[in-house]
Amino acid sequence: EKMQYEHDPSLLSPTTQQALEQEVQRLKNEGIQMNPGTLTQKTLASEEAQKVLKQRSIGVFREKRPYLTNDGLPREWEMLVPKKIAKTDAQGAAAADGTF
């Protein structure tokens, strides 16, 4: 379906078209900007990218993520991860909407 969409979105099934429209509307309603792609670790590490993300209430945090080696051994890899940060009120209290 991805190849069909790139060629001609009208080729998608009506169910898929409707689901896409609903998701785009949900993102717009919640003020979530759609990403044209995933940010690389190099981009997330740059001060300029972090500044832009901070303006959008997104922080960049270090997080350990599990993975398996080629031998099947579990390991952890430290990565930079973008996360929405809670907005604070005038007294500095975190918003009660559950965002972080």
PDB file of N, CA and C in Angstrom:
ATOM      1  N   GLU A   1       0.817  -1.198   0.000  1.00  0.00           N
ATOM      2  CA  GLU A   1       0.000   0.000   0.000  1.00  0.00           C
ATOM      3  C   GLU A   1       0.860   1.261   0.000  1.00  0.00           C
ATOM      4  N   LYS A   2       2.047   1.179   0.615  1.00  0.00           N
ATOM      5  CA  LYS A   2       2.916   2.349   0.630  1.00  0.00           C
ATOM      6  C   LYS A   2       3.319   2.724  -0.795  1.00  0.00           C
ATOM      7  N   MET A   3       3.647   1.734  -1.606  1.00  0.00           N
ATOM      8  CA  MET A   3       4.022   2.007  -2.996  1.00  0.00           C
ATOM      9  C   MET A   3       2.827   2.559  -3.764  1.00  0.00           C
ATOM     10  N   GLN A   4       1.637   2.027  -3.494  1.00  0.00           N
ATOM     11  CA  GLN A   4       0.440   2.539  -4.149  1.00  0.00           C
ATOM     12  C   GLN A   4       0.213   3.995  -3.762  1.00  0.00           C
ATOM     13  N   TYR A   5       0.393   4.309  -2.487  1.00  0.00           N
ATOM     14  CA  TYR A   5       0.160   5.673  -2.006  1.00  0.00           C
ATOM     15  C   TYR A   5       1.106   6.647  -2.696  1.00  0.00           C
ATOM     16  N   GLU A   6       2.386   6.257  -2.812  1.00  0.00           N
ATOM     17  CA  GLU A   6       3.351   7.143  -3.461  1.00  0.00           C
ATOM     18  C   GLU A   6       3.011   7.342  -4.927  1.00  0.00           C
ATOM     19  N   HIS A   7       2.454   6.312  -5.550  1.00  0.00           N
ATOM     20  CA  HIS A   7       2.089   6.424  -6.964  1.00  0.00           C
ATOM     21  C   HIS A   7       0.789   7.200  -7.138  1.00  0.00           C
ATOM     22  N   ASP A   8      -0.242   6.790  -6.378  1.00  0.00           N
ATOM     23  CA  ASP A   8      -1.549   7.425  -6.497  1.00  0.00           C
ATOM     24  C   ASP A   8      -2.378   7.075  -5.258  1.00  0.00           C
ATOM     25  N   PRO A   9      -2.549   8.017  -4.322  1.00  0.00           N
ATOM     26  CA  PRO A   9      -3.285   7.736  -3.088  1.00  0.00           C
ATOM     27  C   PRO A   9      -4.695   7.193  -3.320  1.00  0.00           C
ATOM     28  N   SER A  10      -5.298   7.493  -4.460  1.00  0.00           N
ATOM     29  CA  SER A  10      -6.656   7.016  -4.704  1.00  0.00           C
ATOM     30  C   SER A  10      -6.700   5.504  -4.922  1.00  0.00           C
ATOM     31  N   LEU A  11      -5.551   4.866  -5.100  1.00  0.00           N
ATOM     32  CA  LEU A  11      -5.505   3.416  -5.283  1.00  0.00           C
ATOM     33  C   LEU A  11      -5.680   2.661  -3.965  1.00  0.00           C
ATOM     34  N   LEU A  12      -5.513   3.358  -2.840  1.00  0.00           N
ATOM     35  CA  LEU A  12      -5.672   2.713  -1.535  1.00  0.00           C
ATOM     36  C   LEU A  12      -7.128   2.346  -1.296  1.00  0.00           C
ATOM     37  N   SER A  13      -7.315   1.331  -0.477  1.00  0.00           N
ATOM     38  CA  SER A  13      -8.678   0.928  -0.138  1.00  0.00           C
ATOM     39  C   SER A  13      -9.361   2.071   0.617  1.00  0.00           C
ATOM     40  N   PRO A  14     -10.678   2.181   0.500  1.00  0.00           N
ATOM     41  CA  PRO A  14     -11.398   3.239   1.221  1.00  0.00           C
ATOM     42  C   PRO A  14     -11.156   3.180   2.732  1.00  0.00           C
ATOM     43  N   THR A  15     -11.022   1.986   3.286  1.00  0.00           N
ATOM     44  CA  THR A  15     -10.776   1.841   4.721  1.00  0.00           C
ATOM     45  C   THR A  15      -9.430   2.453   5.097  1.00  0.00           C
ATOM     46  N   THR A  16      -8.406   2.186   4.289  1.00  0.00           N
ATOM     47  CA  THR A  16      -7.077   2.739   4.553  1.00  0.00           C
ATOM     48  C   THR A  16      -7.069   4.249   4.380  1.00  0.00           C
ATOM     49  N   GLN A  17      -7.742   4.741   3.348  1.00  0.00           N
ATOM     50  CA  GLN A  17      -7.819   6.192   3.132  1.00  0.00           C
ATOM     51  C   GLN A  17      -8.476   6.877   4.324  1.00  0.00           C
ATOM     52  N   GLN A  18      -9.566   6.279   4.815  1.00  0.00           N
ATOM     53  CA  GLN A  18     -10.275   6.864   5.953  1.00  0.00           C
ATOM     54  C   GLN A  18      -9.400   6.832   7.209  1.00  0.00           C
ATOM     55  N   ALA A  19      -8.688   5.727   7.413  1.00  0.00           N
ATOM     56  CA  ALA A  19      -7.815   5.617   8.582  1.00  0.00           C
ATOM     57  C   ALA A  19      -6.700   6.659   8.526  1.00  0.00           C
ATOM     58  N   LEU A  20      -6.140   6.883   7.344  1.00  0.00           N
ATOM     59  CA  LEU A  20      -5.103   7.907   7.187  1.00  0.00           C
ATOM     60  C   LEU A  20      -5.651   9.296   7.492  1.00  0.00           C
ATOM     61  N   GLU A  21      -6.825   9.595   6.972  1.00  0.00           N
ATOM     62  CA  GLU A  21      -7.440  10.902   7.224  1.00  0.00           C
ATOM     63  C   GLU A  21      -7.705  11.108   8.716  1.00  0.00           C
ATOM     64  N   GLN A  22      -8.186  10.072   9.391  1.00  0.00           N
ATOM     65  CA  GLN A  22      -8.458  10.161  10.830  1.00  0.00           C
ATOM     66  C   GLN A  22      -7.170  10.384  11.611  1.00  0.00           C
ATOM     67  N   GLU A  23      -6.089   9.687  11.232  1.00  0.00           N
ATOM     68  CA  GLU A  23      -4.823   9.837  11.943  1.00  0.00           C
ATOM     69  C   GLU A  23      -4.239  11.228  11.727  1.00  0.00           C
ATOM     70  N   VAL A  24      -4.299  11.731  10.515  1.00  0.00           N
ATOM     71  CA  VAL A  24      -3.807  13.086  10.242  1.00  0.00           C
ATOM     72  C   VAL A  24      -4.603  14.103  11.058  1.00  0.00           C
ATOM     73  N   GLN A  25      -5.912  13.937  11.127  1.00  0.00           N
ATOM     74  CA  GLN A  25      -6.750  14.849  11.907  1.00  0.00           C
ATOM     75  C   GLN A  25      -6.412  14.767  13.391  1.00  0.00           C
ATOM     76  N   ARG A  26      -6.192  13.541  13.891  1.00  0.00           N
ATOM     77  CA  ARG A  26      -5.840  13.363  15.307  1.00  0.00           C
ATOM     78  C   ARG A  26      -4.526  14.079  15.618  1.00  0.00           C
ATOM     79  N   LEU A  27      -3.537  13.925  14.734  1.00  0.00           N
ATOM     80  CA  LEU A  27      -2.249  14.593  14.946  1.00  0.00           C
ATOM     81  C   LEU A  27      -2.414  16.110  14.940  1.00  0.00           C
ATOM     82  N   LYS A  28      -3.225  16.625  14.032  1.00  0.00           N
ATOM     83  CA  LYS A  28      -3.467  18.070  13.974  1.00  0.00           C
ATOM     84  C   LYS A  28      -4.175  18.547  15.236  1.00  0.00           C
ATOM     85  N   ASN A  29      -5.201  17.800  15.687  1.00  0.00           N
ATOM     86  CA  ASN A  29      -5.958  18.186  16.883  1.00  0.00           C
ATOM     87  C   ASN A  29      -5.076  18.222  18.121  1.00  0.00           C
ATOM     88  N   GLU A  30      -4.125  17.297  18.210  1.00  0.00           N
ATOM     89  CA  GLU A  30      -3.247  17.228  19.379  1.00  0.00           C
ATOM     90  C   GLU A  30      -1.998  18.085  19.216  1.00  0.00           C
ATOM     91  N   GLY A  31      -1.889  18.766  18.081  1.00  0.00           N
ATOM     92  CA  GLY A  31      -0.740  19.642  17.859  1.00  0.00           C
ATOM     93  C   GLY A  31       0.547  18.885  17.650  1.00  0.00           C
ATOM     94  N   ILE A  32       0.449  17.650  17.189  1.00  0.00           N
ATOM     95  CA  ILE A  32       1.641  16.838  16.968  1.00  0.00           C
ATOM     96  C   ILE A  32       2.065  17.015  15.514  1.00  0.00           C
ATOM     97  N   GLN A  33       3.296  17.445  15.330  1.00  0.00           N
ATOM     98  CA  GLN A  33       3.793  17.627  13.979  1.00  0.00           C
ATOM     99  C   GLN A  33       4.194  16.272  13.409  1.00  0.00           C
ATOM    100  N   MET A  34       3.791  16.000  12.187  1.00  0.00           N
ATOM    101  CA  MET A  34       4.142  14.738  11.561  1.00  0.00           C
ATOM    102  C   MET A  34       5.591  14.792  11.107  1.00  0.00           C
ATOM    103  N   ASN A  35       6.320  13.713  11.347  1.00  0.00           N
ATOM    104  CA  ASN A  35       7.723  13.640  10.951  1.00  0.00           C
ATOM    105  C   ASN A  35       7.846  13.074   9.542  1.00  0.00           C
ATOM    106  N   PRO A  36       8.651  13.708   8.691  1.00  0.00           N
ATOM    107  CA  PRO A  36       8.885  13.128   7.380  1.00  0.00           C
ATOM    108  C   PRO A  36       9.805  11.915   7.480  1.00  0.00           C
ATOM    109  N   GLY A  37      10.446  11.739   8.608  1.00  0.00           N
ATOM    110  CA  GLY A  37      11.343  10.605   8.817  1.00  0.00           C
ATOM    111  C   GLY A  37      11.837  10.598  10.241  1.00  0.00           C
ATOM    112  N   THR A  38      12.534   9.556  10.588  1.00  0.00           N
ATOM    113  CA  THR A  38      13.062   9.423  11.933  1.00  0.00           C
ATOM    114  C   THR A  38      14.352  10.223  12.056  1.00  0.00           C
ATOM    115  N   LEU A  39      14.494  10.961  13.150  1.00  0.00           N
ATOM    116  CA  LEU A  39      15.716  11.724  13.383  1.00  0.00           C
ATOM    117  C   LEU A  39      16.851  10.768  13.736  1.00  0.00           C
ATOM    118  N   THR A  40      18.006  10.994  13.153  1.00  0.00           N
ATOM    119  CA  THR A  40      19.165  10.145  13.431  1.00  0.00           C
ATOM    120  C   THR A  40      19.767  10.505  14.784  1.00  0.00           C
ATOM    121  N   GLN A  41      20.597   9.626  15.315  1.00  0.00           N
ATOM    122  CA  GLN A  41      21.282   9.904  16.571  1.00  0.00           C
ATOM    123  C   GLN A  41      22.179  11.136  16.424  1.00  0.00           C
ATOM    124  N   LYS A  42      22.790  11.288  15.274  1.00  0.00           N
ATOM    125  CA  LYS A  42      23.658  12.452  15.030  1.00  0.00           C
ATOM    126  C   LYS A  42      22.840  13.745  15.084  1.00  0.00           C
ATOM    127  N   THR A  43      21.654  13.717  14.478  1.00  0.00           N
ATOM    128  CA  THR A  43      20.787  14.894  14.491  1.00  0.00           C
ATOM    129  C   THR A  43      20.331  15.197  15.915  1.00  0.00           C
ATOM    130  N   LEU A  44      19.887  14.155  16.649  1.00  0.00           N
ATOM    131  CA  LEU A  44      19.423  14.356  18.025  1.00  0.00           C
ATOM    132  C   LEU A  44      20.538  14.897  18.923  1.00  0.00           C
ATOM    133  N   ALA A  45      21.781  14.577  18.622  1.00  0.00           N
ATOM    134  CA  ALA A  45      22.906  15.033  19.441  1.00  0.00           C
ATOM    135  C   ALA A  45      23.274  16.496  19.166  1.00  0.00           C
ATOM    136  N   SER A  46      22.842  17.042  18.042  1.00  0.00           N
ATOM    137  CA  SER A  46      23.240  18.408  17.688  1.00  0.00           C
ATOM    138  C   SER A  46      22.491  19.437  18.537  1.00  0.00           C
ATOM    139  N   GLU A  47      23.207  20.472  18.927  1.00  0.00           N
ATOM    140  CA  GLU A  47      22.612  21.539  19.741  1.00  0.00           C
ATOM    141  C   GLU A  47      21.487  22.238  18.989  1.00  0.00           C
ATOM    142  N   GLU A  48      21.660  22.417  17.690  1.00  0.00           N
ATOM    143  CA  GLU A  48      20.647  23.112  16.890  1.00  0.00           C
ATOM    144  C   GLU A  48      19.334  22.322  16.882  1.00  0.00           C
ATOM    145  N   ALA A  49      19.412  21.012  16.686  1.00  0.00           N
ATOM    146  CA  ALA A  49      18.207  20.183  16.684  1.00  0.00           C
ATOM    147  C   ALA A  49      17.547  20.192  18.059  1.00  0.00           C
ATOM    148  N   GLN A  50      18.349  20.106  19.108  1.00  0.00           N
ATOM    149  CA  GLN A  50      17.800  20.106  20.466  1.00  0.00           C
ATOM    150  C   GLN A  50      17.106  21.425  20.770  1.00  0.00           C
ATOM    151  N   LYS A  51      17.638  22.521  20.255  1.00  0.00           N
ATOM    152  CA  LYS A  51      17.028  23.836  20.459  1.00  0.00           C
ATOM    153  C   LYS A  51      15.650  23.892  19.792  1.00  0.00           C
ATOM    154  N   VAL A  52      15.563  23.411  18.546  1.00  0.00           N
ATOM    155  CA  VAL A  52      14.289  23.407  17.822  1.00  0.00           C
ATOM    156  C   VAL A  52      13.294  22.489  18.519  1.00  0.00           C
ATOM    157  N   LEU A  53      13.743  21.309  18.944  1.00  0.00           N
ATOM    158  CA  LEU A  53      12.851  20.380  19.627  1.00  0.00           C
ATOM    159  C   LEU A  53      12.347  20.974  20.941  1.00  0.00           C
ATOM    160  N   LYS A  54      13.221  21.665  21.664  1.00  0.00           N
ATOM    161  CA  LYS A  54      12.815  22.274  22.927  1.00  0.00           C
ATOM    162  C   LYS A  54      11.724  23.315  22.707  1.00  0.00           C
ATOM    163  N   GLN A  55      11.821  24.073  21.613  1.00  0.00           N
ATOM    164  CA  GLN A  55      10.785  25.050  21.275  1.00  0.00           C
ATOM    165  C   GLN A  55       9.440  24.365  21.034  1.00  0.00           C
ATOM    166  N   ARG A  56       9.486  23.094  20.649  1.00  0.00           N
ATOM    167  CA  ARG A  56       8.268  22.312  20.396  1.00  0.00           C
ATOM    168  C   ARG A  56       7.892  21.445  21.593  1.00  0.00           C
ATOM    169  N   SER A  57       8.458  21.767  22.761  1.00  0.00           N
ATOM    170  CA  SER A  57       8.206  21.033  24.009  1.00  0.00           C
ATOM    171  C   SER A  57       8.620  19.575  23.921  1.00  0.00           C
ATOM    172  N   ILE A  58       9.746  19.343  23.261  1.00  0.00           N
ATOM    173  CA  ILE A  58      10.292  17.998  23.160  1.00  0.00           C
ATOM    174  C   ILE A  58      11.727  18.041  23.667  1.00  0.00           C
ATOM    175  N   GLY A  59      12.032  17.178  24.621  1.00  0.00           N
ATOM    176  CA  GLY A  59      13.384  17.082  25.146  1.00  0.00           C
ATOM    177  C   GLY A  59      14.087  15.872  24.556  1.00  0.00           C
ATOM    178  N   VAL A  60      15.419  15.891  24.595  1.00  0.00           N
ATOM    179  CA  VAL A  60      16.208  14.755  24.125  1.00  0.00           C
ATOM    180  C   VAL A  60      16.862  14.132  25.348  1.00  0.00           C
ATOM    181  N   PHE A  61      16.579  12.843  25.573  1.00  0.00           N
ATOM    182  CA  PHE A  61      17.045  12.152  26.765  1.00  0.00           C
ATOM    183  C   PHE A  61      17.842  10.915  26.377  1.00  0.00           C
ATOM    184  N   ARG A  62      18.765  10.537  27.268  1.00  0.00           N
ATOM    185  CA  ARG A  62      19.514   9.287  27.077  1.00  0.00           C
ATOM    186  C   ARG A  62      18.693   8.158  27.680  1.00  0.00           C
ATOM    187  N   GLU A  63      18.612   7.065  26.944  1.00  0.00           N
ATOM    188  CA  GLU A  63      17.828   5.920  27.405  1.00  0.00           C
ATOM    189  C   GLU A  63      18.522   4.641  26.952  1.00  0.00           C
ATOM    190  N   LYS A  64      18.563   3.652  27.836  1.00  0.00           N
ATOM    191  CA  LYS A  64      19.146   2.373  27.471  1.00  0.00           C
ATOM    192  C   LYS A  64      18.069   1.503  26.837  1.00  0.00           C
ATOM    193  N   ARG A  65      18.392   0.958  25.664  1.00  0.00           N
ATOM    194  CA  ARG A  65      17.452   0.108  24.941  1.00  0.00           C
ATOM    195  C   ARG A  65      18.055  -1.287  24.793  1.00  0.00           C
ATOM    196  N   PRO A  66      17.259  -2.305  25.073  1.00  0.00           N
ATOM    197  CA  PRO A  66      17.787  -3.673  24.948  1.00  0.00           C
ATOM    198  C   PRO A  66      17.888  -4.118  23.486  1.00  0.00           C
ATOM    199  N   TYR A  67      18.857  -4.985  23.236  1.00  0.00           N
ATOM    200  CA  TYR A  67      18.990  -5.605  21.922  1.00  0.00           C
ATOM    201  C   TYR A  67      19.692  -6.944  22.103  1.00  0.00           C
ATOM    202  N   LEU A  68      19.660  -7.766  21.081  1.00  0.00           N
ATOM    203  CA  LEU A  68      20.334  -9.055  21.104  1.00  0.00           C
ATOM    204  C   LEU A  68      21.512  -9.016  20.142  1.00  0.00           C
ATOM    205  N   THR A  69      22.644  -9.573  20.562  1.00  0.00           N
ATOM    206  CA  THR A  69      23.811  -9.660  19.691  1.00  0.00           C
ATOM    207  C   THR A  69      23.565 -10.756  18.659  1.00  0.00           C
ATOM    208  N   ASN A  70      24.473 -10.888  17.701  1.00  0.00           N
ATOM    209  CA  ASN A  70      24.341 -11.949  16.693  1.00  0.00           C
ATOM    210  C   ASN A  70      24.376 -13.323  17.336  1.00  0.00           C
ATOM    211  N   ASP A  71      25.000 -13.424  18.523  1.00  0.00           N
ATOM    212  CA  ASP A  71      25.057 -14.695  19.251  1.00  0.00           C
ATOM    213  C   ASP A  71      23.823 -14.897  20.127  1.00  0.00           C
ATOM    214  N   GLY A  72      22.872 -13.964  20.095  1.00  0.00           N
ATOM    215  CA  GLY A  72      21.652 -14.085  20.882  1.00  0.00           C
ATOM    216  C   GLY A  72      21.799 -13.619  22.320  1.00  0.00           C
ATOM    217  N   LEU A  73      22.908 -12.947  22.639  1.00  0.00           N
ATOM    218  CA  LEU A  73      23.129 -12.459  24.002  1.00  0.00           C
ATOM    219  C   LEU A  73      22.454 -11.109  24.189  1.00  0.00           C
ATOM    220  N   PRO A  74      21.760 -10.927  25.306  1.00  0.00           N
ATOM    221  CA  PRO A  74      21.101  -9.634  25.548  1.00  0.00           C
ATOM    222  C   PRO A  74      22.115  -8.563  25.947  1.00  0.00           C
ATOM    223  N   ARG A  75      21.957  -7.397  25.391  1.00  0.00           N
ATOM    224  CA  ARG A  75      22.811  -6.250  25.707  1.00  0.00           C
ATOM    225  C   ARG A  75      21.921  -5.013  25.771  1.00  0.00           C
ATOM    226  N   GLU A  76      22.493  -3.906  26.235  1.00  0.00           N
ATOM    227  CA  GLU A  76      21.800  -2.627  26.229  1.00  0.00           C
ATOM    228  C   GLU A  76      22.631  -1.615  25.467  1.00  0.00           C
ATOM    229  N   TRP A  77      21.930  -0.737  24.757  1.00  0.00           N
ATOM    230  CA  TRP A  77      22.583   0.293  23.963  1.00  0.00           C
ATOM    231  C   TRP A  77      22.001   1.622  24.395  1.00  0.00           C
ATOM    232  N   GLU A  78      22.880   2.557  24.751  1.00  0.00           N
ATOM    233  CA  GLU A  78      22.409   3.873  25.159  1.00  0.00           C
ATOM    234  C   GLU A  78      22.138   4.708  23.917  1.00  0.00           C
ATOM    235  N   MET A  79      20.912   5.241  23.870  1.00  0.00           N
ATOM    236  CA  MET A  79      20.487   6.020  22.714  1.00  0.00           C
ATOM    237  C   MET A  79      19.931   7.367  23.155  1.00  0.00           C
ATOM    238  N   LEU A  80      19.892   8.296  22.227  1.00  0.00           N
ATOM    239  CA  LEU A  80      19.203   9.563  22.442  1.00  0.00           C
ATOM    240  C   LEU A  80      17.776   9.379  21.954  1.00  0.00           C
ATOM    241  N   VAL A  81      16.816   9.794  22.795  1.00  0.00           N
ATOM    242  CA  VAL A  81      15.402   9.584  22.489  1.00  0.00           C
ATOM    243  C   VAL A  81      14.643  10.894  22.696  1.00  0.00           C
ATOM    244  N   PRO A  82      13.876  11.345  21.686  1.00  0.00           N
ATOM    245  CA  PRO A  82      13.056  12.543  21.870  1.00  0.00           C
ATOM    246  C   PRO A  82      11.781  12.188  22.638  1.00  0.00           C
ATOM    247  N   LYS A  83      11.444  13.016  23.648  1.00  0.00           N
ATOM    248  CA  LYS A  83      10.224  12.795  24.423  1.00  0.00           C
ATOM    249  C   LYS A  83       9.558  14.122  24.697  1.00  0.00           C
ATOM    250  N   LYS A  84       8.220  14.116  24.643  1.00  0.00           N
ATOM    251  CA  LYS A  84       7.443  15.317  24.956  1.00  0.00           C
ATOM    252  C   LYS A  84       7.655  15.654  26.424  1.00  0.00           C
ATOM    253  N   ILE A  85       7.892  16.927  26.715  1.00  0.00           N
ATOM    254  CA  ILE A  85       8.079  17.348  28.102  1.00  0.00           C
ATOM    255  C   ILE A  85       6.850  18.100  28.581  1.00  0.00           C
ATOM    256  N   ALA A  86       6.547  17.926  29.854  1.00  0.00           N
ATOM    257  CA  ALA A  86       5.355  18.541  30.439  1.00  0.00           C
ATOM    258  C   ALA A  86       5.507  20.051  30.445  1.00  0.00           C
ATOM    259  N   LYS A  87       4.428  20.713  30.153  1.00  0.00           N
ATOM    260  CA  LYS A  87       4.411  22.173  30.269  1.00  0.00           C
ATOM    261  C   LYS A  87       4.131  22.501  31.725  1.00  0.00           C
ATOM    262  N   THR A  88       4.739  23.564  32.209  1.00  0.00           N
ATOM    263  CA  THR A  88       4.540  23.949  33.605  1.00  0.00           C
ATOM    264  C   THR A  88       3.738  25.233  33.681  1.00  0.00           C
ATOM    265  N   ASP A  89       3.023  25.397  34.807  1.00  0.00           N
ATOM    266  CA  ASP A  89       2.259  26.636  35.002  1.00  0.00           C
ATOM    267  C   ASP A  89       3.183  27.701  35.598  1.00  0.00           C
ATOM    268  N   ALA A  90       2.625  28.847  35.925  1.00  0.00           N
ATOM    269  CA  ALA A  90       3.425  29.976  36.423  1.00  0.00           C
ATOM    270  C   ALA A  90       4.182  29.634  37.705  1.00  0.00           C
ATOM    271  N   GLN A  91       3.655  28.737  38.550  1.00  0.00           N
ATOM    272  CA  GLN A  91       4.321  28.363  39.789  1.00  0.00           C
ATOM    273  C   GLN A  91       5.330  27.244  39.569  1.00  0.00           C
ATOM    274  N   GLY A  92       5.443  26.727  38.351  1.00  0.00           N
ATOM    275  CA  GLY A  92       6.421  25.687  38.060  1.00  0.00           C
ATOM    276  C   GLY A  92       5.882  24.280  38.253  1.00  0.00           C
ATOM    277  N   ALA A  93       4.595  24.144  38.522  1.00  0.00           N
ATOM    278  CA  ALA A  93       4.004  22.805  38.694  1.00  0.00           C
ATOM    279  C   ALA A  93       3.757  22.186  37.324  1.00  0.00           C
ATOM    280  N   ALA A  94       3.979  20.903  37.206  1.00  0.00           N
ATOM    281  CA  ALA A  94       3.779  20.203  35.941  1.00  0.00           C
ATOM    282  C   ALA A  94       2.297  20.169  35.592  1.00  0.00           C
ATOM    283  N   ALA A  95       2.029  20.170  34.320  1.00  0.00           N
ATOM    284  CA  ALA A  95       0.639  20.117  33.841  1.00  0.00           C
ATOM    285  C   ALA A  95       0.005  18.789  34.267  1.00  0.00           C
ATOM    286  N   ALA A  96      -1.281  18.828  34.524  1.00  0.00           N
ATOM    287  CA  ALA A  96      -1.990  17.636  34.993  1.00  0.00           C
ATOM    288  C   ALA A  96      -2.550  16.811  33.851  1.00  0.00           C
ATOM    289  N   ASP A  97      -2.139  17.092  32.618  1.00  0.00           N
ATOM    290  CA  ASP A  97      -2.700  16.361  31.490  1.00  0.00           C
ATOM    291  C   ASP A  97      -1.973  15.060  31.200  1.00  0.00           C
ATOM    292  N   GLY A  98      -0.975  14.716  32.010  1.00  0.00           N
ATOM    293  CA  GLY A  98      -0.280  13.453  31.851  1.00  0.00           C
ATOM    294  C   GLY A  98       0.859  13.490  30.837  1.00  0.00           C
ATOM    295  N   THR A  99       1.150  14.644  30.258  1.00  0.00           N
ATOM    296  CA  THR A  99       2.255  14.708  29.310  1.00  0.00           C
ATOM    297  C   THR A  99       3.562  14.815  30.064  1.00  0.00           C
ATOM    298  N   PHE A 100       4.606  14.305  29.454  1.00  0.00           N
ATOM    299  CA  PHE A 100       5.946  14.417  30.012  1.00  0.00           C
ATOM    300  C   PHE A 100       6.973  14.290  28.939  1.00  0.00           C
TER     301      PHE A 100
END
